[in-house]
Amino acid sequence: MMATNELQQFIDVWDKEAQKTADLLRALPREQYDFRPDPAGRSLGELAWHLAECDAYGTFGIEQGQMAPETRPPGIERPRKIEDLAPAFERVHKDALGRVRKLKLEDLDRQLAFFGMGPVAVRDLLWNMILLHTVHHRGQLALMCRLAGGRPTGLYGPTREEMPLPKPKSFAVGS
């Protein structure tokens, strides 16, 4: 089905991206929840759950009319096992999708308070905070999956396991 307006286009793109996210969550190495390549950064499990938080906090804030730290969506407790992340993400995304489907096209121009930094249009929250912010962190998660010994899924093209490339030919220096 072809999107007939910007809101439907967002929903279509976001929902397809959510499936890619769920697939990546299923590919995370089971015993590496606490894997942390940077001691000051998030663990694999924490970063994975942040993808659900993007959907939940963004859409709940839009529904509540403000983005603020105290605007906490229901059902957002982080699972503590890798195998629980994908199903929980899918549940959170489904709830978030329901909130976005309640919006009307004219809501895209509505301005919301954004963490005390000034007003932001709903349109910008949807595309930037929810969709692009998620894509950004999902790329980080794919790399963390690889560093933790896992095999990430192809997001915008195949991985080396999904479509192996021929090995480069060696060459002699000075020949």
C-alpha atoms as a PDB file:
ATOM      1  CA  MET A   1       0.000   0.000   0.000  1.00  0.00           C
ATOM      2  CA  MET A   2       1.360   3.393  -0.976  1.00  0.00           C
ATOM      3  CA  ALA A   3       1.379   6.079   1.703  1.00  0.00           C
ATOM      4  CA  THR A   4      -1.157   8.786   0.995  1.00  0.00           C
ATOM      5  CA  ASN A   5       0.265  11.394   3.352  1.00  0.00           C
ATOM      6  CA  GLU A   6       3.276  12.133   5.533  1.00  0.00           C
ATOM      7  CA  LEU A   7       1.820  10.525   8.639  1.00  0.00           C
ATOM      8  CA  GLN A   8       1.073   7.272   6.822  1.00  0.00           C
ATOM      9  CA  GLN A   9       4.514   7.395   5.209  1.00  0.00           C
ATOM     10  CA  PHE A  10       6.106   7.701   8.650  1.00  0.00           C
ATOM     11  CA  ILE A  11       4.054   4.776   9.998  1.00  0.00           C
ATOM     12  CA  ASP A  12       4.976   2.578   7.024  1.00  0.00           C
ATOM     13  CA  VAL A  13       8.715   3.311   7.244  1.00  0.00           C
ATOM     14  CA  TRP A  14       8.829   3.112  11.052  1.00  0.00           C
ATOM     15  CA  ASP A  15       7.001  -0.214  11.167  1.00  0.00           C
ATOM     16  CA  LYS A  16       9.380  -1.749   8.579  1.00  0.00           C
ATOM     17  CA  GLU A  17      12.365  -0.464  10.559  1.00  0.00           C
ATOM     18  CA  ALA A  18      10.900  -1.951  13.758  1.00  0.00           C
ATOM     19  CA  GLN A  19      10.929  -5.395  12.126  1.00  0.00           C
ATOM     20  CA  LYS A  20      14.624  -4.960  11.312  1.00  0.00           C
ATOM     21  CA  THR A  21      15.210  -3.969  14.931  1.00  0.00           C
ATOM     22  CA  ALA A  22      13.384  -7.054  16.247  1.00  0.00           C
ATOM     23  CA  ASP A  23      15.424  -9.262  13.898  1.00  0.00           C
ATOM     24  CA  LEU A  24      18.672  -7.758  15.216  1.00  0.00           C
ATOM     25  CA  LEU A  25      17.526  -8.233  18.817  1.00  0.00           C
ATOM     26  CA  ARG A  26      16.927 -11.926  18.072  1.00  0.00           C
ATOM     27  CA  ALA A  27      20.490 -12.207  16.714  1.00  0.00           C
ATOM     28  CA  LEU A  28      22.227 -10.888  19.849  1.00  0.00           C
ATOM     29  CA  PRO A  29      24.520 -13.431  21.534  1.00  0.00           C
ATOM     30  CA  ARG A  30      22.515 -14.974  24.400  1.00  0.00           C
ATOM     31  CA  GLU A  31      25.193 -14.858  27.092  1.00  0.00           C
ATOM     32  CA  GLN A  32      26.417 -11.334  26.347  1.00  0.00           C
ATOM     33  CA  TYR A  33      23.730  -9.131  27.955  1.00  0.00           C
ATOM     34  CA  ASP A  34      26.345  -7.361  30.091  1.00  0.00           C
ATOM     35  CA  PHE A  35      28.955  -7.051  27.313  1.00  0.00           C
ATOM     36  CA  ARG A  36      30.314  -3.516  27.484  1.00  0.00           C
ATOM     37  CA  PRO A  37      33.162  -2.522  25.109  1.00  0.00           C
ATOM     38  CA  ASP A  38      33.374   0.877  26.815  1.00  0.00           C
ATOM     39  CA  PRO A  39      33.248   0.814  30.633  1.00  0.00           C
ATOM     40  CA  ALA A  40      31.476   4.186  30.607  1.00  0.00           C
ATOM     41  CA  GLY A  41      28.920   3.134  27.975  1.00  0.00           C
ATOM     42  CA  ARG A  42      25.775   1.045  27.912  1.00  0.00           C
ATOM     43  CA  SER A  43      25.908  -2.733  27.950  1.00  0.00           C
ATOM     44  CA  LEU A  44      24.603  -4.738  25.005  1.00  0.00           C
ATOM     45  CA  GLY A  45      21.316  -5.365  26.834  1.00  0.00           C
ATOM     46  CA  GLU A  46      20.956  -1.748  27.943  1.00  0.00           C
ATOM     47  CA  LEU A  47      21.565  -0.390  24.440  1.00  0.00           C
ATOM     48  CA  ALA A  48      19.195  -2.971  22.969  1.00  0.00           C
ATOM     49  CA  TRP A  49      16.432  -1.846  25.321  1.00  0.00           C
ATOM     50  CA  HIS A  50      17.079   1.814  24.527  1.00  0.00           C
ATOM     51  CA  LEU A  51      15.597   1.064  21.094  1.00  0.00           C
ATOM     52  CA  ALA A  52      12.274   0.252  22.778  1.00  0.00           C
ATOM     53  CA  GLU A  53      12.622   3.337  24.969  1.00  0.00           C
ATOM     54  CA  CYS A  54      12.893   5.531  21.856  1.00  0.00           C
ATOM     55  CA  ASP A  55       9.507   4.271  20.633  1.00  0.00           C
ATOM     56  CA  ALA A  56       7.860   4.384  24.040  1.00  0.00           C
ATOM     57  CA  TYR A  57       9.098   7.713  25.386  1.00  0.00           C
ATOM     58  CA  GLY A  58       8.696   9.514  22.072  1.00  0.00           C
ATOM     59  CA  THR A  59       5.131   8.438  21.394  1.00  0.00           C
ATOM     60  CA  PHE A  60       4.012   8.680  25.018  1.00  0.00           C
ATOM     61  CA  GLY A  61       5.417  12.208  25.233  1.00  0.00           C
ATOM     62  CA  ILE A  62       3.529  13.177  22.085  1.00  0.00           C
ATOM     63  CA  GLU A  63       0.339  11.699  23.536  1.00  0.00           C
ATOM     64  CA  GLN A  64       0.872  13.530  26.851  1.00  0.00           C
ATOM     65  CA  GLY A  65       1.701  16.821  25.135  1.00  0.00           C
ATOM     66  CA  GLN A  66       5.250  17.189  26.475  1.00  0.00           C
ATOM     67  CA  MET A  67       8.637  15.531  26.450  1.00  0.00           C
ATOM     68  CA  ALA A  68       9.947  15.553  30.016  1.00  0.00           C
ATOM     69  CA  PRO A  69      11.917  13.149  32.237  1.00  0.00           C
ATOM     70  CA  GLU A  70       8.882  12.567  34.454  1.00  0.00           C
ATOM     71  CA  THR A  71       6.751  11.554  31.437  1.00  0.00           C
ATOM     72  CA  ARG A  72       7.386   7.807  31.830  1.00  0.00           C
ATOM     73  CA  PRO A  73       5.356   5.440  29.668  1.00  0.00           C
ATOM     74  CA  PRO A  74       3.789   2.335  31.200  1.00  0.00           C
ATOM     75  CA  GLY A  75       5.285  -1.116  30.590  1.00  0.00           C
ATOM     76  CA  ILE A  76       8.813   0.061  29.898  1.00  0.00           C
ATOM     77  CA  GLU A  77      10.740  -2.041  32.420  1.00  0.00           C
ATOM     78  CA  ARG A  78      13.904  -3.426  30.818  1.00  0.00           C
ATOM     79  CA  PRO A  79      14.070  -7.206  30.381  1.00  0.00           C
ATOM     80  CA  ARG A  80      17.157  -8.784  31.953  1.00  0.00           C
ATOM     81  CA  LYS A  81      17.725 -11.584  29.423  1.00  0.00           C
ATOM     82  CA  ILE A  82      18.685 -11.306  25.753  1.00  0.00           C
ATOM     83  CA  GLU A  83      15.948 -13.734  24.680  1.00  0.00           C
ATOM     84  CA  ASP A  84      13.282 -11.483  26.241  1.00  0.00           C
ATOM     85  CA  LEU A  85      14.352  -8.317  24.401  1.00  0.00           C
ATOM     86  CA  ALA A  86      12.766  -8.934  20.970  1.00  0.00           C
ATOM     87  CA  PRO A  87       9.290  -9.940  22.231  1.00  0.00           C
ATOM     88  CA  ALA A  88       9.275  -7.043  24.702  1.00  0.00           C
ATOM     89  CA  PHE A  89      10.421  -4.620  21.980  1.00  0.00           C
ATOM     90  CA  GLU A  90       7.612  -5.847  19.710  1.00  0.00           C
ATOM     91  CA  ARG A  91       5.070  -5.264  22.503  1.00  0.00           C
ATOM     92  CA  VAL A  92       6.377  -1.745  23.184  1.00  0.00           C
ATOM     93  CA  HIS A  93       6.433  -0.935  19.461  1.00  0.00           C
ATOM     94  CA  LYS A  94       2.859  -2.172  19.044  1.00  0.00           C
ATOM     95  CA  ASP A  95       1.728   0.126  21.882  1.00  0.00           C
ATOM     96  CA  ALA A  96       3.694   3.025  20.388  1.00  0.00           C
ATOM     97  CA  LEU A  97       2.211   2.346  16.955  1.00  0.00           C
ATOM     98  CA  GLY A  98      -1.261   2.540  18.474  1.00  0.00           C
ATOM     99  CA  ARG A  99      -0.454   5.972  19.909  1.00  0.00           C
ATOM    100  CA  VAL A 100       0.826   7.261  16.552  1.00  0.00           C
ATOM    101  CA  ARG A 101      -2.195   5.892  14.697  1.00  0.00           C
ATOM    102  CA  LYS A 102      -4.385   8.170  16.838  1.00  0.00           C
ATOM    103  CA  LEU A 103      -2.659  11.240  15.400  1.00  0.00           C
ATOM    104  CA  LYS A 104      -4.196  13.311  12.650  1.00  0.00           C
ATOM    105  CA  LEU A 105      -2.245  14.897   9.830  1.00  0.00           C
ATOM    106  CA  GLU A 106      -2.671  18.357  11.378  1.00  0.00           C
ATOM    107  CA  ASP A 107      -1.021  17.090  14.600  1.00  0.00           C
ATOM    108  CA  LEU A 108       2.331  16.987  12.795  1.00  0.00           C
ATOM    109  CA  ASP A 109       2.653  20.777  13.129  1.00  0.00           C
ATOM    110  CA  ARG A 110       1.691  20.827  16.822  1.00  0.00           C
ATOM    111  CA  GLN A 111       4.509  22.098  19.055  1.00  0.00           C
ATOM    112  CA  LEU A 112       5.489  20.291  22.270  1.00  0.00           C
ATOM    113  CA  ALA A 113       7.740  21.259  25.149  1.00  0.00           C
ATOM    114  CA  PHE A 114      10.955  19.273  24.747  1.00  0.00           C
ATOM    115  CA  PHE A 115      12.889  18.664  27.981  1.00  0.00           C
ATOM    116  CA  GLY A 116      12.840  22.367  28.835  1.00  0.00           C
ATOM    117  CA  MET A 117      14.742  23.322  25.675  1.00  0.00           C
ATOM    118  CA  GLY A 118      11.878  24.857  23.760  1.00  0.00           C
ATOM    119  CA  PRO A 119       9.099  23.715  21.484  1.00  0.00           C
ATOM    120  CA  VAL A 120       9.532  20.974  18.888  1.00  0.00           C
ATOM    121  CA  ALA A 121       7.019  19.972  16.215  1.00  0.00           C
ATOM    122  CA  VAL A 122       5.452  16.507  16.482  1.00  0.00           C
ATOM    123  CA  ARG A 123       6.701  15.877  12.927  1.00  0.00           C
ATOM    124  CA  ASP A 124      10.301  16.399  14.068  1.00  0.00           C
ATOM    125  CA  LEU A 125       9.845  14.154  17.102  1.00  0.00           C
ATOM    126  CA  LEU A 126       8.500  11.350  14.920  1.00  0.00           C
ATOM    127  CA  TRP A 127      11.148  11.468  12.209  1.00  0.00           C
ATOM    128  CA  ASN A 128      14.163  12.509  14.287  1.00  0.00           C
ATOM    129  CA  MET A 129      13.738  11.383  17.891  1.00  0.00           C
ATOM    130  CA  ILE A 130      11.839   8.200  17.211  1.00  0.00           C
ATOM    131  CA  LEU A 131      12.915   6.932  13.785  1.00  0.00           C
ATOM    132  CA  LEU A 132      16.392   8.349  13.110  1.00  0.00           C
ATOM    133  CA  HIS A 133      17.518   8.186  16.738  1.00  0.00           C
ATOM    134  CA  THR A 134      16.563   4.506  16.743  1.00  0.00           C
ATOM    135  CA  VAL A 135      18.424   3.855  13.479  1.00  0.00           C
ATOM    136  CA  HIS A 136      21.513   5.547  14.957  1.00  0.00           C
ATOM    137  CA  HIS A 137      21.510   3.351  18.067  1.00  0.00           C
ATOM    138  CA  ARG A 138      20.619   0.238  16.081  1.00  0.00           C
ATOM    139  CA  GLY A 139      23.804   0.712  14.054  1.00  0.00           C
ATOM    140  CA  GLN A 140      25.759   0.895  17.300  1.00  0.00           C
ATOM    141  CA  LEU A 141      24.009  -2.260  18.490  1.00  0.00           C
ATOM    142  CA  ALA A 142      24.889  -4.145  15.291  1.00  0.00           C
ATOM    143  CA  LEU A 143      28.559  -3.356  15.860  1.00  0.00           C
ATOM    144  CA  MET A 144      28.326  -4.327  19.541  1.00  0.00           C
ATOM    145  CA  CYS A 145      26.703  -7.606  18.505  1.00  0.00           C
ATOM    146  CA  ARG A 146      29.700  -8.351  16.273  1.00  0.00           C
ATOM    147  CA  LEU A 147      32.201  -7.315  18.965  1.00  0.00           C
ATOM    148  CA  ALA A 148      30.431  -9.596  21.458  1.00  0.00           C
ATOM    149  CA  GLY A 149      30.895 -12.576  19.137  1.00  0.00           C
ATOM    150  CA  GLY A 150      27.460 -12.480  17.516  1.00  0.00           C
ATOM    151  CA  ARG A 151      26.332 -12.367  13.907  1.00  0.00           C
ATOM    152  CA  PRO A 152      24.249  -9.243  13.337  1.00  0.00           C
ATOM    153  CA  THR A 153      21.521  -9.261  10.735  1.00  0.00           C
ATOM    154  CA  GLY A 154      21.817  -7.248   7.550  1.00  0.00           C
ATOM    155  CA  LEU A 155      20.007  -3.964   8.022  1.00  0.00           C
ATOM    156  CA  TYR A 156      20.339  -2.198   4.651  1.00  0.00           C
ATOM    157  CA  GLY A 157      22.237  -4.921   2.868  1.00  0.00           C
ATOM    158  CA  PRO A 158      23.602  -8.374   3.585  1.00  0.00           C
ATOM    159  CA  THR A 159      26.264  -9.105   6.176  1.00  0.00           C
ATOM    160  CA  ARG A 160      29.387 -11.035   5.223  1.00  0.00           C
ATOM    161  CA  GLU A 161      27.714 -14.229   6.455  1.00  0.00           C
ATOM    162  CA  GLU A 162      24.575 -13.589   4.417  1.00  0.00           C
ATOM    163  CA  MET A 163      26.528 -12.868   1.217  1.00  0.00           C
ATOM    164  CA  PRO A 164      30.198 -13.742   1.460  1.00  0.00           C
ATOM    165  CA  LEU A 165      32.583 -11.728  -0.683  1.00  0.00           C
ATOM    166  CA  PRO A 166      35.471 -13.352  -2.514  1.00  0.00           C
ATOM    167  CA  LYS A 167      38.724 -13.222  -0.576  1.00  0.00           C
ATOM    168  CA  PRO A 168      41.076 -10.510  -1.822  1.00  0.00           C
ATOM    169  CA  LYS A 169      44.045 -11.751  -3.819  1.00  0.00           C
ATOM    170  CA  SER A 170      47.367 -11.214  -2.156  1.00  0.00           C
ATOM    171  CA  PHE A 171      50.008  -9.292  -3.977  1.00  0.00           C
ATOM    172  CA  ALA A 172      53.726  -8.993  -3.579  1.00  0.00           C
ATOM    173  CA  VAL A 173      55.203  -5.632  -2.693  1.00  0.00           C
ATOM    174  CA  GLY A 174      57.397  -4.238  -5.455  1.00  0.00           C
ATOM    175  CA  SER A 175      56.024  -6.429  -8.219  1.00  0.00           C
END
